[in-house]
């Protein structure tokens, strides 16, 4: 990895931290960084089979793990004494949310509302950092997209994520919890599940390129995305625990954007793969929920947190490919 510890987490040394979704991609990277910073860390993860959680993501660190849904009654005792809760649990697939909307509602809204009820009873006044998604904005009216942009999600997942944000902010206003919401763009890096096609395009690209398979891009392949290395997300989450961030909603993104074709080519170049790029028509069910080009305006995070992205795409992709070459089980279905 580019780093296993960041200065933004230094203030959490000795603090009792709970990470939900801590066996997943971003959550496990955060856990490694928190442990390196000297925090007392506990992890809650439902280990939903369709999601990316895996106990092996925490190899090398000793933390207590509760395998449970956020609404499970056992969570109350487990989070007792928590000073900071990093809430990363949830369902992230846009397509899956359209196929089974009630399941998405259950995982991204109901369970979180139950969790907030638990927190206000057991650890009133605790800090919460919630990860949300750029998908809450829908199709951009202007680029870059700032936090004042209208929120018009084009899929069930975006609507549910927006509702989850609002519940967290409401519990801050009326119940004394201290939430911060971070809206993430396309995150990539080590410990991402490469086997499940519904967890984002980037892990699928990485898997197929590293296996020497062709990459099929929908349409022209020129859709623009700003990609963010997971180390930069972890740094932002540490910075977001500051008191000045309480009650705020902030975008995270990169200062540059790349076409999907450029992103795939960067993966091919980093891995030396013989993979080729093929352009194919959009499937109708995906075209209906595509948002087109996107780049986030992260000025607010820079001003409030002193944060900015530090990892360039070529360096981040190189780091990511190197990690998966050294940990081949991520590319296996077992």
Protein backbone atom coordinates (compact mmCIF):
# COMPACT_ATOMS: atom_id res chain seq x y z
CA UNK A 1 0.00 0.00 0.00
CA UNK A 2 1.03 3.62 -0.40
CA UNK A 3 0.62 4.14 3.34
CA UNK A 4 -0.69 2.26 6.36
CA UNK A 5 -1.06 5.32 8.59
CA UNK A 6 -1.89 8.96 8.06
CA UNK A 7 -1.34 12.04 10.20
CA UNK A 8 -5.07 12.81 9.97
CA UNK A 9 -5.74 9.83 12.26
CA UNK A 10 -3.11 10.73 14.86
CA UNK A 11 -5.66 12.40 17.13
CA UNK A 12 -7.54 9.11 17.47
CA UNK A 13 -4.72 7.35 19.32
CA UNK A 14 -6.29 5.63 22.31
CA UNK A 15 -9.85 6.46 21.21
CA UNK A 16 -12.53 3.76 21.11
CA UNK A 17 -13.59 3.58 17.44
CA UNK A 18 -16.26 1.41 15.82
CA UNK A 19 -16.09 0.73 12.08
CA UNK A 20 -19.23 -0.66 10.47
CA UNK A 21 -18.61 -2.51 7.23
CA UNK A 22 -15.07 -2.94 8.54
CA UNK A 23 -14.46 -6.21 6.70
CA UNK A 24 -15.15 -4.56 3.36
CA UNK A 25 -12.97 -2.57 0.99
CA UNK A 26 -12.81 0.95 2.42
CA UNK A 27 -13.65 -0.17 5.95
CA UNK A 28 -10.77 -2.64 6.21
CA UNK A 29 -8.28 -0.07 4.92
CA UNK A 30 -9.57 2.34 7.56
CA UNK A 31 -9.22 -0.32 10.28
CA UNK A 32 -5.59 -0.98 9.33
CA UNK A 33 -4.85 2.76 9.49
CA UNK A 34 -6.67 3.25 12.80
CA UNK A 35 -4.81 0.38 14.43
CA UNK A 36 -1.51 1.77 13.13
CA UNK A 37 -2.46 5.13 14.67
CA UNK A 38 -3.05 3.51 18.06
CA UNK A 39 -6.86 3.58 18.18
CA UNK A 40 -8.92 0.97 20.03
CA UNK A 41 -10.96 -0.48 17.16
CA UNK A 42 -14.04 -2.68 16.98
CA UNK A 43 -15.66 -3.86 13.74
CA UNK A 44 -19.30 -4.60 12.89
CA UNK A 45 -19.95 -6.33 9.56
CA UNK A 46 -22.94 -8.37 8.44
CA UNK A 47 -20.80 -10.33 5.94
CA UNK A 48 -23.62 -10.19 3.40
CA UNK A 49 -22.64 -12.75 0.73
CA UNK A 50 -23.32 -10.36 -2.18
CA UNK A 51 -21.06 -7.70 -0.70
CA UNK A 52 -17.27 -7.43 -0.43
CA UNK A 53 -16.64 -8.23 3.24
CA UNK A 54 -13.99 -10.84 4.01
CA UNK A 55 -12.25 -11.61 7.30
CA UNK A 56 -8.97 -11.95 5.41
CA UNK A 57 -9.07 -8.20 4.75
CA UNK A 58 -8.01 -7.74 8.37
CA UNK A 59 -5.08 -10.16 8.28
CA UNK A 60 -2.27 -8.71 10.33
CA UNK A 61 -4.39 -6.72 12.81
CA UNK A 62 -6.00 -7.83 16.05
CA UNK A 63 -9.47 -6.33 16.44
CA UNK A 64 -12.75 -7.57 17.84
CA UNK A 65 -15.32 -8.33 15.14
CA UNK A 66 -19.08 -8.70 15.52
CA UNK A 67 -20.69 -10.40 12.52
CA UNK A 68 -24.12 -8.81 12.63
CA UNK A 69 -26.57 -6.53 10.86
CA UNK A 70 -26.63 -2.98 12.21
CA UNK A 71 -30.12 -3.61 13.58
CA UNK A 72 -29.03 -6.67 15.58
CA UNK A 73 -29.69 -6.34 19.33
CA UNK A 74 -26.09 -7.43 20.04
CA UNK A 75 -24.79 -4.21 18.50
CA UNK A 76 -25.80 -2.12 21.54
CA UNK A 77 -23.40 -3.84 23.93
CA UNK A 78 -20.68 -3.96 21.27
CA UNK A 79 -20.67 -0.19 20.62
CA UNK A 80 -20.82 0.79 24.30
CA UNK A 81 -18.09 3.29 25.09
CA UNK A 82 -17.49 4.26 21.47
CA UNK A 83 -16.21 7.79 20.95
CA UNK A 84 -16.14 7.72 17.14
CA UNK A 85 -18.27 5.61 14.78
CA UNK A 86 -17.22 5.29 11.16
CA UNK A 87 -20.36 4.09 9.41
CA UNK A 88 -19.45 2.44 6.10
CA UNK A 89 -21.99 -0.40 6.08
CA UNK A 90 -24.44 -0.72 3.22
CA UNK A 91 -25.33 -1.94 -0.24
CA UNK A 92 -23.50 -0.12 -3.05
CA UNK A 93 -24.75 -1.67 -6.29
CA UNK A 94 -26.90 0.66 -8.37
CA UNK A 95 -28.10 -2.14 -10.62
CA UNK A 96 -28.91 -4.48 -7.72
CA UNK A 97 -30.96 -1.73 -6.10
CA UNK A 98 -33.18 -1.62 -9.19
CA UNK A 99 -33.55 -5.40 -9.31
CA UNK A 100 -34.43 -5.72 -5.61
CA UNK A 101 -35.41 -2.29 -4.27
CA UNK A 102 -36.82 -3.55 -0.98
CA UNK A 103 -33.54 -5.23 -0.12
CA UNK A 104 -31.68 -1.98 -0.82
CA UNK A 105 -34.14 -0.10 1.38
CA UNK A 106 -33.57 -2.60 4.17
CA UNK A 107 -29.77 -2.47 4.00
CA UNK A 108 -29.30 1.26 3.36
CA UNK A 109 -32.15 2.80 5.35
CA UNK A 110 -33.95 0.55 7.84
CA UNK A 111 -30.84 -0.99 9.38
CA UNK A 112 -29.17 2.43 9.64
CA UNK A 113 -32.20 3.96 11.34
CA UNK A 114 -32.17 1.12 13.87
CA UNK A 115 -28.43 1.71 14.35
CA UNK A 116 -28.96 5.42 15.00
CA UNK A 117 -31.56 4.53 17.62
CA UNK A 118 -28.99 2.27 19.26
CA UNK A 119 -26.31 4.95 19.21
CA UNK A 120 -28.52 7.64 20.75
CA UNK A 121 -29.42 5.27 23.60
CA UNK A 122 -26.00 3.75 24.24
CA UNK A 123 -23.46 6.42 23.24
CA UNK A 124 -25.29 9.76 23.13
CA UNK A 125 -23.14 12.53 21.72
CA UNK A 126 -20.74 10.25 19.84
CA UNK A 127 -19.07 11.35 16.61
CA UNK A 128 -20.29 9.62 13.45
CA UNK A 129 -18.64 9.78 10.04
CA UNK A 130 -20.98 8.38 7.37
CA UNK A 131 -19.81 7.47 3.88
CA UNK A 132 -22.33 8.28 1.15
CA UNK A 133 -22.06 8.50 -2.62
CA UNK A 134 -21.97 10.90 -5.56
CA UNK A 135 -25.00 8.96 -6.84
CA UNK A 136 -27.27 11.15 -4.69
CA UNK A 137 -26.84 13.96 -7.26
CA UNK A 138 -28.05 11.98 -10.26
CA UNK A 139 -27.12 13.36 -13.69
CA UNK A 140 -25.00 16.49 -13.26
CA UNK A 141 -26.42 19.82 -14.38
CA UNK A 142 -22.94 21.33 -14.08
CA UNK A 143 -19.40 20.04 -13.56
CA UNK A 144 -17.70 20.02 -11.13
CA UNK A 145 -20.57 19.10 -8.83
CA UNK A 146 -20.63 20.91 -5.48
CA UNK A 147 -22.77 20.23 -2.44
CA UNK A 148 -25.37 22.82 -3.52
CA UNK A 149 -26.12 20.86 -6.69
CA UNK A 150 -29.69 19.46 -6.75
CA UNK A 151 -30.05 15.90 -5.46
CA UNK A 152 -32.06 13.98 -8.05
CA UNK A 153 -30.93 10.33 -7.89
CA UNK A 154 -31.57 8.18 -10.95
CA UNK A 155 -31.76 4.87 -9.08
CA UNK A 156 -33.07 3.32 -5.85
CA UNK A 157 -29.58 3.17 -4.34
CA UNK A 158 -29.10 6.91 -4.70
CA UNK A 159 -32.48 7.64 -3.11
CA UNK A 160 -31.80 5.31 -0.19
CA UNK A 161 -28.30 6.72 0.37
CA UNK A 162 -29.75 10.23 0.42
CA UNK A 163 -32.39 9.15 2.95
CA UNK A 164 -29.65 7.59 5.08
CA UNK A 165 -27.74 10.88 5.04
CA UNK A 166 -30.85 12.78 6.13
CA UNK A 167 -31.52 10.42 9.03
CA UNK A 168 -27.96 10.89 10.29
CA UNK A 169 -28.24 14.67 10.06
CA UNK A 170 -31.66 14.63 11.73
CA UNK A 171 -30.33 12.61 14.66
CA UNK A 172 -27.62 15.21 14.99
CA UNK A 173 -30.18 18.00 15.15
CA UNK A 174 -32.77 16.44 17.47
CA UNK A 175 -30.89 13.75 19.43
CA UNK A 176 -27.42 15.18 20.03
CA UNK A 177 -25.39 12.79 17.90
CA UNK A 178 -22.57 14.49 15.97
CA UNK A 179 -22.61 13.31 12.35
CA UNK A 180 -20.55 14.20 9.28
CA UNK A 181 -21.41 12.97 5.78
CA UNK A 182 -18.77 12.32 3.13
CA UNK A 183 -19.98 11.78 -0.43
CA UNK A 184 -17.48 9.59 -2.26
CA UNK A 185 -16.65 9.36 -5.93
CA UNK A 186 -15.11 6.28 -7.64
CA UNK A 187 -12.83 4.74 -5.02
CA UNK A 188 -10.18 2.13 -5.86
CA UNK A 189 -7.21 0.48 -4.22
CA UNK A 190 -6.12 -2.56 -2.19
CA UNK A 191 -8.57 -4.93 -0.48
CA UNK A 192 -11.39 -4.36 -2.96
CA UNK A 193 -13.42 -7.44 -3.84
CA UNK A 194 -12.60 -8.27 -7.46
CA UNK A 195 -15.00 -11.17 -7.95
CA UNK A 196 -18.41 -9.52 -7.68
CA UNK A 197 -19.49 -7.57 -10.73
CA UNK A 198 -21.99 -5.36 -8.83
CA UNK A 199 -19.46 -3.57 -6.62
CA UNK A 200 -18.33 -1.03 -9.19
CA UNK A 201 -16.67 -0.88 -12.59
CA UNK A 202 -13.12 -0.36 -11.37
CA UNK A 203 -12.66 -3.72 -9.59
CA UNK A 204 -14.13 -5.47 -12.62
CA UNK A 205 -11.65 -3.66 -14.88
CA UNK A 206 -8.75 -4.60 -12.60
CA UNK A 207 -9.75 -8.27 -12.41
CA UNK A 208 -10.26 -8.66 -16.13
CA UNK A 209 -7.06 -6.83 -17.05
CA UNK A 210 -4.97 -8.82 -14.59
CA UNK A 211 -6.47 -12.00 -16.05
CA UNK A 212 -5.65 -10.85 -19.58
CA UNK A 213 -9.30 -10.63 -20.58
CA UNK A 214 -10.83 -8.00 -22.89
CA UNK A 215 -12.54 -4.98 -21.36
CA UNK A 216 -15.94 -4.03 -22.74
CA UNK A 217 -16.87 -0.37 -22.36
CA UNK A 218 -20.39 0.83 -23.00
CA UNK A 219 -20.93 3.50 -25.62
CA UNK A 220 -17.87 5.52 -26.60
CA UNK A 221 -15.82 4.78 -23.51
CA UNK A 222 -15.28 8.52 -23.08
CA UNK A 223 -17.43 8.94 -19.96
CA UNK A 224 -15.42 11.05 -17.50
CA UNK A 225 -14.82 9.99 -13.90
CA UNK A 226 -12.70 11.31 -11.04
CA UNK A 227 -11.09 8.37 -9.26
CA UNK A 228 -9.94 8.47 -5.65
CA UNK A 229 -7.40 6.13 -4.07
CA UNK A 230 -8.62 4.57 -0.83
CA UNK A 231 -5.68 6.08 1.10
CA UNK A 232 -7.04 9.54 0.33
CA UNK A 233 -10.49 8.47 1.56
CA UNK A 234 -9.01 7.15 4.83
CA UNK A 235 -7.17 10.44 5.34
CA UNK A 236 -10.39 12.38 4.81
CA UNK A 237 -12.30 10.20 7.26
CA UNK A 238 -9.71 10.88 9.92
CA UNK A 239 -9.85 14.62 9.25
CA UNK A 240 -13.67 14.53 9.30
CA UNK A 241 -13.70 13.66 13.01
CA UNK A 242 -12.78 17.30 13.78
CA UNK A 243 -15.45 19.29 15.65
CA UNK A 244 -15.70 21.83 12.81
CA UNK A 245 -17.04 19.06 10.54
CA UNK A 246 -20.04 18.20 12.73
CA UNK A 247 -23.31 18.49 10.82
CA UNK A 248 -21.58 19.02 7.49
CA UNK A 249 -21.96 17.25 4.13
CA UNK A 250 -18.85 17.20 1.96
CA UNK A 251 -17.80 15.80 -1.39
CA UNK A 252 -14.57 13.91 -1.84
CA UNK A 253 -13.06 13.68 -5.30
CA UNK A 254 -9.96 14.26 -7.38
CA UNK A 255 -8.80 17.44 -9.08
CA UNK A 256 -8.55 15.53 -12.36
CA UNK A 257 -10.96 13.34 -14.27
CA UNK A 258 -10.25 10.60 -16.79
CA UNK A 259 -12.29 8.81 -19.41
CA UNK A 260 -13.12 5.17 -18.75
CA UNK A 261 -10.88 4.33 -21.70
CA UNK A 262 -7.96 6.17 -20.05
CA UNK A 263 -8.59 4.45 -16.73
CA UNK A 264 -8.57 1.01 -18.32
CA UNK A 265 -5.43 1.85 -20.29
CA UNK A 266 -3.70 2.89 -17.03
CA UNK A 267 -4.52 -0.53 -15.57
CA UNK A 268 -3.24 -2.28 -18.70
CA UNK A 269 -0.02 -0.26 -18.61
CA UNK A 270 0.57 -0.95 -14.89
CA UNK A 271 0.03 -4.69 -15.23
CA UNK A 272 1.64 -5.29 -18.61
CA UNK A 273 -1.52 -7.15 -19.59
CA UNK A 274 -2.41 -8.13 -23.17
CA UNK A 275 -6.01 -7.03 -22.55
CA UNK A 276 -7.75 -5.02 -25.24
CA UNK A 277 -10.61 -2.52 -25.09
CA UNK A 278 -13.87 -3.23 -26.90
CA UNK A 279 -16.75 -0.78 -27.29
CA UNK A 280 -20.24 -2.26 -26.99
CA UNK A 281 -23.78 -0.79 -26.95
CA UNK A 282 -25.35 0.19 -23.65
CA UNK A 283 -27.71 -2.42 -22.15
CA UNK A 284 -31.05 -0.64 -21.80
CA UNK A 285 -31.39 -1.39 -18.07
CA UNK A 286 -28.02 0.25 -17.37
CA UNK A 287 -28.41 3.16 -19.78
CA UNK A 288 -31.50 4.28 -17.85
CA UNK A 289 -29.50 4.78 -14.64
CA UNK A 290 -26.19 6.03 -16.08
CA UNK A 291 -25.28 9.53 -14.90
CA UNK A 292 -22.91 10.49 -17.74
CA UNK A 293 -19.77 12.48 -16.92
CA UNK A 294 -18.97 13.30 -13.30
CA UNK A 295 -16.35 15.22 -11.35
CA UNK A 296 -16.83 16.35 -7.76
CA UNK A 297 -16.06 19.78 -6.39
CA UNK A 298 -14.26 19.08 -3.09
CA UNK A 299 -13.54 22.74 -2.20
CA UNK A 300 -15.58 22.44 1.00
CA UNK A 301 -13.51 19.50 2.25
CA UNK A 302 -10.35 21.43 1.46
CA UNK A 303 -11.56 24.48 3.39
CA UNK A 304 -13.07 22.69 6.41
CA UNK A 305 -10.69 19.75 6.75
CA UNK A 306 -7.49 20.95 5.09
CA UNK A 307 -7.82 17.86 2.88
CA UNK A 308 -6.93 17.34 -0.75
CA UNK A 309 -6.30 14.21 -2.83
CA UNK A 310 -2.66 13.23 -2.92
CA UNK A 311 -2.51 10.10 -5.08
CA UNK A 312 -2.23 10.44 -8.85
CA UNK A 313 -4.03 7.84 -10.95
CA UNK A 314 -0.91 6.18 -12.41
CA UNK A 315 0.68 5.85 -8.96
CA UNK A 316 -2.53 4.61 -7.37
CA UNK A 317 -3.20 2.05 -10.10
CA UNK A 318 0.40 0.85 -9.86
CA UNK A 319 0.04 0.43 -6.09
CA UNK A 320 -3.26 -1.40 -6.55
CA UNK A 321 -1.99 -3.81 -9.20
CA UNK A 322 1.09 -4.55 -7.09
CA UNK A 323 -1.11 -5.37 -4.08
CA UNK A 324 -3.21 -7.86 -6.02
CA UNK A 325 -0.14 -9.47 -7.55
CA UNK A 326 1.15 -10.06 -4.01
CA UNK A 327 -2.26 -11.26 -2.75
CA UNK A 328 -3.60 -13.48 -5.55
CA UNK A 329 -6.54 -14.83 -3.52
CA UNK A 330 -8.45 -11.61 -4.34
CA UNK A 331 -8.53 -12.73 -7.96
CA UNK A 332 -9.83 -16.19 -7.06
CA UNK A 333 -13.45 -17.15 -6.53
CA UNK A 334 -12.51 -19.16 -3.41
